[in-house]
N, C-alpha and C. Protein backbone atom coordinates (compact mmCIF):
# COMPACT_ATOMS: atom_id res chain seq x y z
N MET A 1 -6.85 -8.81 16.36
CA MET A 1 -6.85 -7.47 15.81
C MET A 1 -6.92 -7.74 14.15
N LEU A 2 -8.38 -7.17 14.71
CA LEU A 2 -8.40 -6.45 13.19
C LEU A 2 -8.21 -6.30 12.06
N ILE A 3 -6.98 -5.56 11.35
CA ILE A 3 -6.06 -5.70 10.36
C ILE A 3 -5.02 -6.42 10.70
N ARG A 4 -4.53 -7.42 9.73
CA ARG A 4 -3.41 -8.68 9.84
C ARG A 4 -2.67 -8.66 9.38
N ASN A 5 -3.01 -8.08 7.02
CA ASN A 5 -2.41 -7.80 6.73
C ASN A 5 -2.26 -5.91 5.93
N VAL A 6 -1.28 -5.84 5.36
CA VAL A 6 -1.14 -4.56 5.15
C VAL A 6 -0.51 -4.57 3.77
N THR A 7 -1.39 -3.56 3.13
CA THR A 7 -0.68 -3.98 1.63
C THR A 7 0.22 -2.30 1.03
N PHE A 8 1.24 -2.79 1.03
CA PHE A 8 1.72 -2.07 0.43
C PHE A 8 2.43 -1.28 -1.30
N LEU A 9 1.62 -0.43 -1.44
CA LEU A 9 1.20 0.39 -2.51
C LEU A 9 2.21 1.65 -3.51
N GLY A 10 3.01 1.83 -4.18
CA GLY A 10 4.55 3.31 -4.07
C GLY A 10 5.56 2.71 -5.45
N PHE A 11 5.72 3.98 -5.90
CA PHE A 11 6.35 4.10 -6.97
C PHE A 11 7.51 2.46 -7.21
N SER A 12 7.40 1.99 -7.89
CA SER A 12 8.18 0.85 -8.44
C SER A 12 9.92 1.62 -8.59
N GLU A 13 10.00 2.86 -9.11
CA GLU A 13 11.39 3.06 -9.50
C GLU A 13 12.79 4.10 -8.55
N ALA A 14 11.28 3.53 -6.79
CA ALA A 14 12.81 3.31 -5.42
C ALA A 14 13.51 3.11 -6.11
N GLU A 15 14.76 4.35 -5.41
CA GLU A 15 16.05 2.84 -5.42
C GLU A 15 16.60 3.05 -3.52
N PRO A 16 17.25 1.94 -3.74
CA PRO A 16 17.20 1.68 -2.02
C PRO A 16 18.77 3.18 -1.48
N GLY A 17 17.86 3.25 -0.39
CA GLY A 17 19.25 4.19 0.01
C GLY A 17 18.50 5.88 -0.42
N GLY A 18 17.26 5.87 -1.07
CA GLY A 18 16.52 6.40 -0.58
C GLY A 18 15.64 7.25 -0.06
N GLU A 19 15.09 8.10 0.48
CA GLU A 19 13.98 8.57 1.20
C GLU A 19 13.08 7.51 1.34
N LEU A 20 12.37 7.70 -0.53
CA LEU A 20 11.04 6.95 -0.28
C LEU A 20 11.29 5.61 0.19
N TYR A 21 12.57 4.93 -0.61
CA TYR A 21 12.61 3.62 0.27
C TYR A 21 13.01 3.05 0.95
N GLU A 22 13.40 4.13 2.06
CA GLU A 22 13.74 3.74 3.51
C GLU A 22 12.88 3.87 4.68
N SER A 23 12.14 4.65 4.01
CA SER A 23 10.53 5.00 4.11
C SER A 23 9.37 4.00 4.12
N ALA A 24 9.34 3.01 2.75
CA ALA A 24 8.52 1.65 3.59
C ALA A 24 9.06 0.48 3.88
N PHE A 25 11.23 0.42 3.92
CA PHE A 25 11.41 -0.35 4.99
C PHE A 25 11.07 0.00 6.37
N ASN A 26 11.56 0.81 6.69
CA ASN A 26 11.25 1.06 8.30
C ASN A 26 9.68 0.87 8.20
N THR A 27 8.72 1.79 7.70
CA THR A 27 7.86 0.82 8.00
C THR A 27 7.55 -0.28 8.12
N ALA A 28 7.90 -0.81 7.20
CA ALA A 28 7.35 -2.80 6.77
C ALA A 28 7.67 -2.77 8.10
N LYS A 29 9.25 -3.09 8.79
CA LYS A 29 10.00 -3.35 9.35
C LYS A 29 9.51 -3.25 11.25
N LEU A 30 8.80 -1.90 11.18
CA LEU A 30 8.42 -1.94 11.60
C LEU A 30 6.81 -2.76 12.14
N LEU A 31 5.88 -2.15 11.72
CA LEU A 31 3.99 -2.46 11.40
C LEU A 31 4.58 -4.55 11.88
N VAL A 32 5.65 -5.01 10.47
CA VAL A 32 5.74 -6.59 11.23
C VAL A 32 6.27 -7.20 12.59
N GLU A 33 7.45 -5.79 13.61
CA GLU A 33 7.63 -5.77 14.52
C GLU A 33 7.25 -6.25 14.90
N MET A 34 5.76 -5.29 15.52
CA MET A 34 4.43 -5.17 15.71
C MET A 34 3.63 -6.24 14.94
N GLY A 35 3.52 -7.41 15.00
CA GLY A 35 3.03 -8.54 14.26
C GLY A 35 1.75 -8.24 13.37
N TYR A 36 2.52 -7.50 12.17
CA TYR A 36 1.21 -7.08 10.57
C TYR A 36 2.46 -7.94 9.54
N MET A 37 1.63 -8.85 8.94
CA MET A 37 2.03 -9.17 7.89
C MET A 37 2.07 -7.95 6.58
N VAL A 38 3.40 -8.10 5.77
CA VAL A 38 3.50 -6.97 4.74
C VAL A 38 2.80 -8.20 3.53
N VAL A 39 1.69 -7.18 2.65
CA VAL A 39 1.63 -7.25 1.28
C VAL A 39 2.07 -6.46 -0.02
N ASN A 40 2.27 -6.99 -0.89
CA ASN A 40 2.62 -5.80 -2.57
C ASN A 40 2.80 -6.33 -3.78
N GLY A 41 3.41 -5.66 -4.45
CA GLY A 41 2.97 -6.20 -5.79
C GLY A 41 3.91 -7.01 -6.68
N GLY A 42 5.33 -7.22 -5.25
CA GLY A 42 6.33 -8.53 -6.28
C GLY A 42 7.16 -7.40 -6.66
N GLY A 43 7.31 -6.27 -7.16
CA GLY A 43 7.90 -5.69 -8.39
C GLY A 43 8.97 -5.15 -6.92
N PRO A 44 10.01 -4.33 -7.85
CA PRO A 44 10.85 -4.20 -7.05
C PRO A 44 10.08 -2.46 -6.25
N GLY A 45 11.34 -1.33 -6.37
CA GLY A 45 11.32 -0.19 -5.69
C GLY A 45 10.40 -0.38 -3.94
N VAL A 46 9.34 0.35 -4.21
CA VAL A 46 8.21 0.85 -2.52
C VAL A 46 7.67 -0.32 -2.22
N MET A 47 7.67 -2.17 -3.43
CA MET A 47 7.76 -3.14 -3.49
C MET A 47 8.61 -3.92 -2.38
N ARG A 48 9.63 -3.82 -3.19
CA ARG A 48 10.74 -4.49 -2.73
C ARG A 48 11.29 -4.09 -1.12
N ALA A 49 11.06 -3.44 -1.25
CA ALA A 49 11.44 -2.11 -0.15
C ALA A 49 10.58 -2.59 1.22
N ALA A 50 9.01 -2.79 0.83
CA ALA A 50 8.73 -3.39 2.01
C ALA A 50 8.78 -5.23 2.53
N THR A 51 9.27 -6.25 1.36
CA THR A 51 9.85 -7.16 1.15
C THR A 51 10.88 -7.38 2.50
N GLU A 52 11.65 -6.28 2.01
CA GLU A 52 13.01 -6.24 2.51
C GLU A 52 12.94 -5.72 3.99
N GLY A 53 12.49 -4.85 4.39
CA GLY A 53 11.60 -4.53 5.84
C GLY A 53 10.82 -5.67 6.73
N ALA A 54 9.90 -6.72 6.10
CA ALA A 54 9.56 -7.47 6.29
C ALA A 54 11.12 -8.52 6.91
N HIS A 55 11.63 -8.93 6.40
CA HIS A 55 12.54 -9.81 6.43
C HIS A 55 13.19 -9.07 7.28
N ALA A 56 13.37 -8.19 7.64
CA ALA A 56 14.99 -7.36 8.74
C ALA A 56 14.67 -7.42 10.22
N ALA A 57 12.55 -7.54 10.13
CA ALA A 57 11.67 -8.33 11.11
C ALA A 57 11.82 -9.37 11.62
N LYS A 58 12.12 -10.32 10.45
CA LYS A 58 12.04 -11.32 11.14
C LYS A 58 10.61 -11.96 10.60
N GLY A 59 9.95 -11.64 9.45
CA GLY A 59 8.12 -11.38 8.72
C GLY A 59 8.58 -12.20 7.91
N ARG A 60 7.53 -11.95 7.50
CA ARG A 60 6.72 -12.61 5.96
C ARG A 60 6.38 -11.32 5.29
N ALA A 61 6.79 -11.09 3.70
CA ALA A 61 5.91 -11.17 2.93
C ALA A 61 5.23 -11.62 1.87
N ILE A 62 3.80 -11.04 1.65
CA ILE A 62 3.35 -11.62 0.05
C ILE A 62 3.78 -10.93 -0.24
N GLY A 63 3.94 -11.34 -2.14
CA GLY A 63 3.65 -10.91 -3.71
C GLY A 63 3.07 -11.32 -4.65
N ILE A 64 2.12 -10.06 -5.56
CA ILE A 64 1.20 -10.98 -5.89
C ILE A 64 1.26 -9.34 -7.16
N TYR A 65 1.81 -10.24 -8.21
CA TYR A 65 1.98 -10.24 -9.25
C TYR A 65 1.04 -10.52 -10.27
N PHE A 66 2.22 -10.35 -11.85
CA PHE A 66 1.18 -10.37 -13.02
C PHE A 66 2.52 -10.76 -13.82
N SER A 67 2.70 -12.27 -15.42
CA SER A 67 3.49 -11.08 -15.85
C SER A 67 3.55 -10.48 -17.16
N PRO A 68 3.51 -9.26 -17.18
CA PRO A 68 3.25 -8.56 -18.22
C PRO A 68 3.28 -9.23 -19.86
N LYS A 69 2.52 -8.82 -20.95
CA LYS A 69 2.95 -10.02 -21.94
C LYS A 69 2.59 -9.32 -23.21
N GLY A 70 3.79 -8.37 -23.71
CA GLY A 70 3.23 -6.84 -24.94
C GLY A 70 3.25 -5.70 -23.80
N MET A 71 3.46 -5.05 -22.74
CA MET A 71 3.34 -4.24 -21.59
C MET A 71 5.38 -3.85 -21.83
N THR A 72 5.44 -2.54 -22.76
CA THR A 72 6.60 -1.99 -22.52
C THR A 72 5.83 -1.16 -21.37
N ASN A 73 5.80 -0.39 -20.66
CA ASN A 73 6.10 0.01 -18.93
C ASN A 73 5.61 -0.56 -17.66
N PHE A 74 5.95 -1.54 -18.34
CA PHE A 74 5.48 -1.96 -16.66
C PHE A 74 6.46 -3.22 -16.42
N GLU A 75 6.55 -3.35 -15.06
CA GLU A 75 8.15 -3.52 -13.98
C GLU A 75 7.63 -5.14 -13.95
N GLY A 76 6.66 -5.79 -14.05
CA GLY A 76 6.60 -7.12 -13.44
C GLY A 76 7.21 -7.49 -12.16
N LYS A 77 7.24 -8.91 -12.18
CA LYS A 77 8.15 -9.25 -10.72
C LYS A 77 10.21 -9.18 -10.75
N ASP A 78 10.14 -8.56 -9.41
CA ASP A 78 11.54 -7.97 -9.87
C ASP A 78 11.89 -9.20 -9.28
N PRO A 79 13.10 -9.66 -9.59
CA PRO A 79 13.63 -11.76 -9.10
C PRO A 79 15.02 -10.72 -7.27
N GLN A 80 15.33 -9.35 -7.27
CA GLN A 80 14.77 -9.13 -6.12
C GLN A 80 14.37 -9.27 -4.92
N ASN A 81 12.92 -8.98 -5.25
CA ASN A 81 12.22 -9.02 -4.63
C ASN A 81 11.64 -11.26 -3.97
N LYS A 82 12.63 -11.24 -3.17
CA LYS A 82 12.43 -12.20 -1.88
C LYS A 82 10.95 -12.65 -1.19
N VAL A 83 9.73 -12.51 -2.03
CA VAL A 83 8.77 -12.80 -1.05
C VAL A 83 8.71 -14.14 -0.96
N ASP A 84 8.01 -13.88 0.72
CA ASP A 84 7.49 -16.08 0.74
C ASP A 84 6.76 -16.22 0.16
N GLN A 85 5.89 -16.06 -0.24
CA GLN A 85 4.55 -16.68 -1.48
C GLN A 85 4.19 -15.87 -1.84
N GLU A 86 4.69 -16.47 -3.45
CA GLU A 86 4.11 -15.06 -4.99
C GLU A 86 2.07 -15.87 -4.99
N ILE A 87 2.07 -15.21 -5.82
CA ILE A 87 0.35 -14.84 -6.40
C ILE A 87 0.09 -14.64 -7.73
N LEU A 88 0.79 -15.07 -9.03
CA LEU A 88 0.58 -14.87 -9.72
C LEU A 88 -0.96 -14.54 -10.35
N CYS A 89 -0.72 -13.18 -10.74
CA CYS A 89 -2.51 -12.88 -10.86
C CYS A 89 -2.14 -13.12 -13.05
N PRO A 90 -3.68 -13.07 -13.61
CA PRO A 90 -3.28 -13.13 -15.43
C PRO A 90 -3.44 -11.42 -15.21
N ASP A 91 -2.82 -10.81 -14.83
CA ASP A 91 -3.49 -9.29 -15.30
C ASP A 91 -3.47 -8.04 -14.61
N TYR A 92 -3.03 -7.08 -15.12
CA TYR A 92 -2.58 -6.28 -14.39
C TYR A 92 -4.15 -6.08 -13.81
N VAL A 93 -5.19 -5.62 -13.48
CA VAL A 93 -6.09 -5.47 -12.90
C VAL A 93 -7.11 -6.42 -11.93
N GLN A 94 -6.33 -7.90 -12.77
CA GLN A 94 -6.88 -9.07 -11.15
C GLN A 94 -5.74 -8.70 -10.16
N ARG A 95 -4.98 -8.58 -10.81
CA ARG A 95 -3.34 -7.95 -9.20
C ARG A 95 -4.09 -7.34 -8.37
N THR A 96 -4.51 -5.71 -9.12
CA THR A 96 -4.92 -4.66 -7.79
C THR A 96 -5.84 -4.97 -7.74
N LEU A 97 -7.20 -6.11 -7.75
CA LEU A 97 -8.40 -6.83 -7.15
C LEU A 97 -7.68 -6.79 -5.71
N LYS A 98 -6.60 -8.63 -6.72
CA LYS A 98 -6.12 -9.40 -5.52
C LYS A 98 -5.44 -8.32 -4.25
N LEU A 99 -4.73 -7.95 -4.58
CA LEU A 99 -3.48 -6.60 -4.02
C LEU A 99 -4.54 -6.07 -2.79
N LEU A 100 -5.41 -5.50 -3.33
CA LEU A 100 -7.34 -5.32 -2.48
C LEU A 100 -7.97 -6.28 -1.58
N ASP A 101 -8.27 -7.36 -2.16
CA ASP A 101 -8.36 -8.33 -0.95
C ASP A 101 -7.86 -8.32 0.01
N TYR A 102 -6.45 -8.49 0.13
CA TYR A 102 -5.51 -9.43 0.68
C TYR A 102 -5.02 -8.14 1.98
N GLY A 103 -5.53 -7.68 1.41
CA GLY A 103 -4.88 -6.96 2.73
C GLY A 103 -6.16 -6.14 3.39
N ASP A 104 -6.37 -6.14 4.72
CA ASP A 104 -6.98 -5.64 5.96
C ASP A 104 -6.94 -4.22 5.48
N CYS A 105 -5.61 -3.08 5.00
CA CYS A 105 -5.52 -1.97 5.49
C CYS A 105 -4.89 -1.48 4.02
N TYR A 106 -4.73 -0.29 3.59
CA TYR A 106 -3.48 -0.59 2.45
C TYR A 106 -2.78 1.78 3.17
N LEU A 107 -1.14 1.04 2.41
CA LEU A 107 -0.28 1.70 2.52
C LEU A 107 -0.01 2.34 1.66
N ILE A 108 0.15 3.67 1.19
CA ILE A 108 -0.30 3.86 -0.22
C ILE A 108 1.51 5.31 -0.23
N PHE A 109 2.19 5.22 -0.99
CA PHE A 109 3.74 5.80 -0.73
C PHE A 109 3.01 6.60 -2.12
N ALA A 110 4.05 7.21 -2.60
CA ALA A 110 4.02 8.29 -3.50
C ALA A 110 4.37 7.28 -4.67
N GLY A 111 3.26 7.69 -5.38
CA GLY A 111 3.53 6.56 -7.00
C GLY A 111 3.44 6.72 -8.26
N GLY A 112 3.79 6.65 -9.15
CA GLY A 112 3.34 7.06 -10.57
C GLY A 112 1.83 6.69 -11.09
N THR A 113 1.10 6.17 -12.15
CA THR A 113 0.30 6.44 -12.74
C THR A 113 -0.37 4.97 -11.62
N GLY A 114 0.34 4.01 -12.43
CA GLY A 114 0.06 2.35 -11.34
C GLY A 114 -0.78 2.42 -10.15
N THR A 115 0.42 3.62 -9.05
CA THR A 115 -0.11 4.20 -8.44
C THR A 115 -1.06 4.85 -7.81
N ILE A 116 -1.33 5.60 -8.39
CA ILE A 116 -2.80 6.33 -8.71
C ILE A 116 -4.12 5.57 -8.78
N SER A 117 -3.29 4.44 -9.77
CA SER A 117 -4.21 3.85 -10.03
C SER A 117 -4.90 3.04 -9.19
N GLU A 118 -4.21 2.28 -8.43
CA GLU A 118 -4.64 1.20 -6.94
C GLU A 118 -4.92 2.16 -6.07
N PHE A 119 -4.86 3.31 -5.64
CA PHE A 119 -5.44 4.60 -4.88
C PHE A 119 -7.19 4.98 -4.66
N GLY A 120 -7.19 4.89 -6.04
CA GLY A 120 -8.12 5.43 -6.51
C GLY A 120 -9.36 4.15 -6.82
N MET A 121 -8.78 3.17 -7.18
CA MET A 121 -9.89 2.25 -6.85
C MET A 121 -9.64 1.33 -5.84
N ALA A 122 -9.16 1.62 -4.15
CA ALA A 122 -9.35 1.28 -3.00
C ALA A 122 -9.80 2.63 -2.17
N TRP A 123 -10.00 4.10 -2.95
CA TRP A 123 -10.69 4.83 -1.94
C TRP A 123 -11.86 4.57 -2.95
N GLY A 124 -12.21 4.13 -3.42
CA GLY A 124 -13.86 3.97 -4.52
C GLY A 124 -14.82 2.53 -3.37
N LEU A 125 -13.61 2.63 -3.44
CA LEU A 125 -14.42 0.52 -2.62
C LEU A 125 -14.55 0.81 -0.89
N ALA A 126 -13.83 2.21 -0.62
CA ALA A 126 -13.55 2.91 0.98
C ALA A 126 -14.76 3.66 0.49
N ARG A 127 -15.46 3.70 -0.24
CA ARG A 127 -16.45 5.10 -0.07
C ARG A 127 -18.00 3.70 -0.19
N LEU A 128 -17.46 2.91 -0.97
CA LEU A 128 -18.82 2.01 -1.20
C LEU A 128 -19.37 1.23 0.46
N TYR A 129 -18.46 0.67 0.84
CA TYR A 129 -18.20 -0.14 2.34
C TYR A 129 -17.82 1.04 4.12
N PHE A 130 -18.41 1.29 3.39
CA PHE A 130 -18.21 2.62 4.28
C PHE A 130 -18.76 2.38 5.47
N GLY A 131 -18.21 2.53 6.20
CA GLY A 131 -18.42 1.83 8.36
C GLY A 131 -18.24 0.08 8.11
N HIS A 132 -17.56 -0.19 6.99
CA HIS A 132 -16.95 -1.45 6.56
C HIS A 132 -15.65 -1.74 6.40
N HIS A 133 -15.51 -0.62 5.91
CA HIS A 133 -13.97 -0.48 4.48
C HIS A 133 -12.41 -0.74 5.41
N LYS A 134 -12.10 -0.68 4.37
CA LYS A 134 -10.93 -0.88 5.12
C LYS A 134 -9.52 0.45 4.30
N PRO A 135 -9.57 0.38 5.67
CA PRO A 135 -8.52 1.42 5.89
C PRO A 135 -7.73 1.99 4.44
N LEU A 136 -7.33 3.13 4.57
CA LEU A 136 -6.22 3.78 3.70
C LEU A 136 -4.91 4.84 4.63
N LEU A 137 -3.81 4.95 4.24
CA LEU A 137 -2.67 5.01 5.27
C LEU A 137 -2.04 5.72 3.56
N LEU A 138 -1.98 7.83 3.50
CA LEU A 138 -1.49 7.93 2.51
C LEU A 138 0.19 9.25 2.96
N TYR A 139 0.94 7.91 2.76
CA TYR A 139 1.85 8.62 3.21
C TYR A 139 3.11 9.96 2.75
N GLY A 140 2.86 10.11 3.52
CA GLY A 140 3.79 11.64 3.16
C GLY A 140 3.00 12.79 3.09
N SER A 141 3.55 13.82 3.29
CA SER A 141 3.20 14.93 3.56
C SER A 141 2.24 16.31 2.18
N PHE A 142 3.01 15.14 0.69
CA PHE A 142 2.63 16.18 -0.66
C PHE A 142 1.24 15.45 -1.09
N TRP A 143 0.50 14.50 0.45
CA TRP A 143 -0.46 14.08 -0.02
C TRP A 143 -2.08 15.82 0.53
N TYR A 144 -1.54 16.29 2.28
CA TYR A 144 -2.13 16.35 2.59
C TYR A 144 -2.76 17.71 1.23
N PRO A 145 -1.56 18.71 -0.40
CA PRO A 145 -2.25 19.19 -0.99
C PRO A 145 -3.32 18.37 -2.14
N ILE A 146 -2.79 17.29 -2.00
CA ILE A 146 -3.41 16.35 -2.76
C ILE A 146 -4.77 16.92 -3.02
N MET A 147 -5.45 15.90 -1.35
CA MET A 147 -6.06 15.38 -0.96
C MET A 147 -7.46 17.00 -0.35
N GLU A 148 -6.78 17.96 -0.33
CA GLU A 148 -7.87 19.57 -0.23
C GLU A 148 -7.99 19.60 -1.67
N ILE A 149 -6.65 19.59 -2.54
CA ILE A 149 -7.85 19.54 -3.66
C ILE A 149 -8.80 18.65 -4.34
N LEU A 150 -8.54 18.01 -4.33
CA LEU A 150 -10.24 16.44 -4.37
C LEU A 150 -10.57 17.05 -4.45
N ALA A 151 -11.00 17.75 -2.75
CA ALA A 151 -12.47 17.79 -1.75
C ALA A 151 -12.13 19.21 -2.06
N GLU A 152 -12.21 20.18 -2.60
CA GLU A 152 -12.52 21.19 -3.07
C GLU A 152 -12.77 21.47 -4.32
N LYS A 153 -12.79 20.64 -4.97
CA LYS A 153 -13.10 20.46 -6.31
C LYS A 153 -13.89 19.53 -6.90
N LEU A 154 -13.92 18.53 -6.29
CA LEU A 154 -15.03 16.84 -6.61
C LEU A 154 -16.11 17.51 -5.88
N PRO A 155 -17.01 16.99 -5.92
CA PRO A 155 -17.89 16.93 -5.23
C PRO A 155 -18.39 15.54 -4.39
N LEU A 156 -17.09 15.31 -2.69
CA LEU A 156 -17.04 14.05 -2.49
C LEU A 156 -17.59 14.60 -1.35
N ARG A 157 -18.29 13.35 -1.07
CA ARG A 157 -19.38 12.47 -0.41
C ARG A 157 -17.78 13.07 1.32
N LYS A 158 -19.46 13.66 2.33
CA LYS A 158 -18.20 13.44 3.42
C LYS A 158 -18.10 12.28 4.03
N GLU A 159 -18.04 11.00 4.03
CA GLU A 159 -17.20 9.58 4.28
C GLU A 159 -16.38 9.76 3.16
N GLU A 160 -16.51 10.17 1.91
CA GLU A 160 -15.06 9.86 1.45
C GLU A 160 -13.70 10.37 2.17
N LEU A 161 -14.11 10.87 2.92
CA LEU A 161 -13.02 12.16 3.95
C LEU A 161 -12.09 11.67 4.76
N GLU A 162 -12.97 10.68 5.18
CA GLU A 162 -12.86 9.75 5.90
C GLU A 162 -12.70 8.53 6.75
N VAL A 163 -12.30 8.04 5.56
CA VAL A 163 -11.59 6.28 4.75
C VAL A 163 -9.71 6.32 4.90
N TYR A 164 -9.60 7.96 5.34
CA TYR A 164 -7.90 8.20 4.86
C TYR A 164 -7.47 8.39 5.96
N ARG A 165 -5.98 8.61 6.42
CA ARG A 165 -5.19 9.20 7.16
C ARG A 165 -3.81 9.39 6.92
N ILE A 166 -3.30 10.36 6.57
CA ILE A 166 -2.16 10.88 6.15
C ILE A 166 -1.55 10.55 6.87
N VAL A 167 -0.20 10.07 7.09
CA VAL A 167 1.26 9.37 7.67
C VAL A 167 2.60 10.17 7.18
N ASN A 168 3.65 10.52 8.32
CA ASN A 168 4.41 11.18 7.36
C ASN A 168 5.70 9.88 7.70
N ASN A 169 5.64 9.51 9.10
CA ASN A 169 6.65 8.69 9.26
C ASN A 169 5.95 6.56 9.83
N PRO A 170 6.42 6.17 10.29
CA PRO A 170 5.73 4.87 10.35
C PRO A 170 6.04 4.66 12.51
N LYS A 171 5.88 5.73 12.70
CA LYS A 171 5.14 5.20 13.99
C LYS A 171 4.06 5.63 13.55
N GLU A 172 3.60 7.22 12.98
CA GLU A 172 2.09 7.46 12.10
C GLU A 172 1.41 6.46 12.01
N ALA A 173 2.47 5.35 10.37
CA ALA A 173 1.59 4.75 10.51
C ALA A 173 0.39 3.65 11.55
N LEU A 174 1.94 3.25 12.20
CA LEU A 174 1.50 2.13 13.47
C LEU A 174 0.13 2.69 14.56
N LEU A 175 0.16 4.36 14.92
CA LEU A 175 -0.80 4.63 15.43
C LEU A 175 -2.45 4.90 14.46
N ALA A 176 -1.96 5.34 13.36
CA ALA A 176 -3.49 4.95 12.72
C ALA A 176 -3.56 3.87 12.47
N ILE A 177 -2.97 2.75 11.86
CA ILE A 177 -3.44 1.91 11.71
C ILE A 177 -4.15 1.92 13.51
N ARG A 178 -3.40 1.69 14.22
CA ARG A 178 -4.71 1.41 15.65
C ARG A 178 -6.07 1.46 16.05
N GLU A 179 -5.54 3.37 15.77
CA GLU A 179 -6.76 4.03 15.70
C GLU A 179 -8.37 3.73 14.22
N PHE A 180 -8.18 3.18 13.60
CA PHE A 180 -8.34 2.66 12.97
C PHE A 180 -9.36 1.61 13.40
N GLU A 181 -8.38 -0.09 14.25
CA GLU A 181 -8.79 -0.68 14.47
C GLU A 181 -9.43 -0.74 15.96
N ASP A 182 -9.43 0.98 16.62
CA ASP A 182 -10.05 0.73 18.04
C ASP A 182 -12.18 0.94 17.52
N LYS A 183 -11.39 1.71 16.14
CA LYS A 183 -12.64 2.30 15.55
C LYS A 183 -13.47 1.06 14.49
N MET A 184 -12.88 0.04 13.98
CA MET A 184 -13.49 -1.39 13.53
C MET A 184 -14.77 -2.11 14.76
């Protein structure tokens, strides 16, 4: 297996019982059942859902976080996100880099500016290392018009549009990971 760790990125305010939370939970559960490890930012929302999904499948989750100082709009570590291994970083940038380093593949759910920031860095790295890049899975059909507009309005290179797949359910995520593995 070339992809071992899947980093989950997404909205920190997703609530248990909500569609976004349940999608992250169910995807993490399926991926762990199939032998993958979950990595997330140690916070609430999609991150906690990913950990809970991993645990529901008797798997483990790694949480990479930092303790914000002086930040009024960052959630930090969620004490309810019971990851099995914690990695503390000094700041947001180092945390993002560590999340990207630990993941062999990125699963990106709906989210706000933090998720967009993480997606942008992951997408940029995929372009820079094209052919040896870590794949991006964009979870949800809302990504179609976003990516279409970006492809239409920005001077993107062909390879920038080949490093990701849009998936709409846990099984599609698993299939996309396996397709990327077959190409590696």
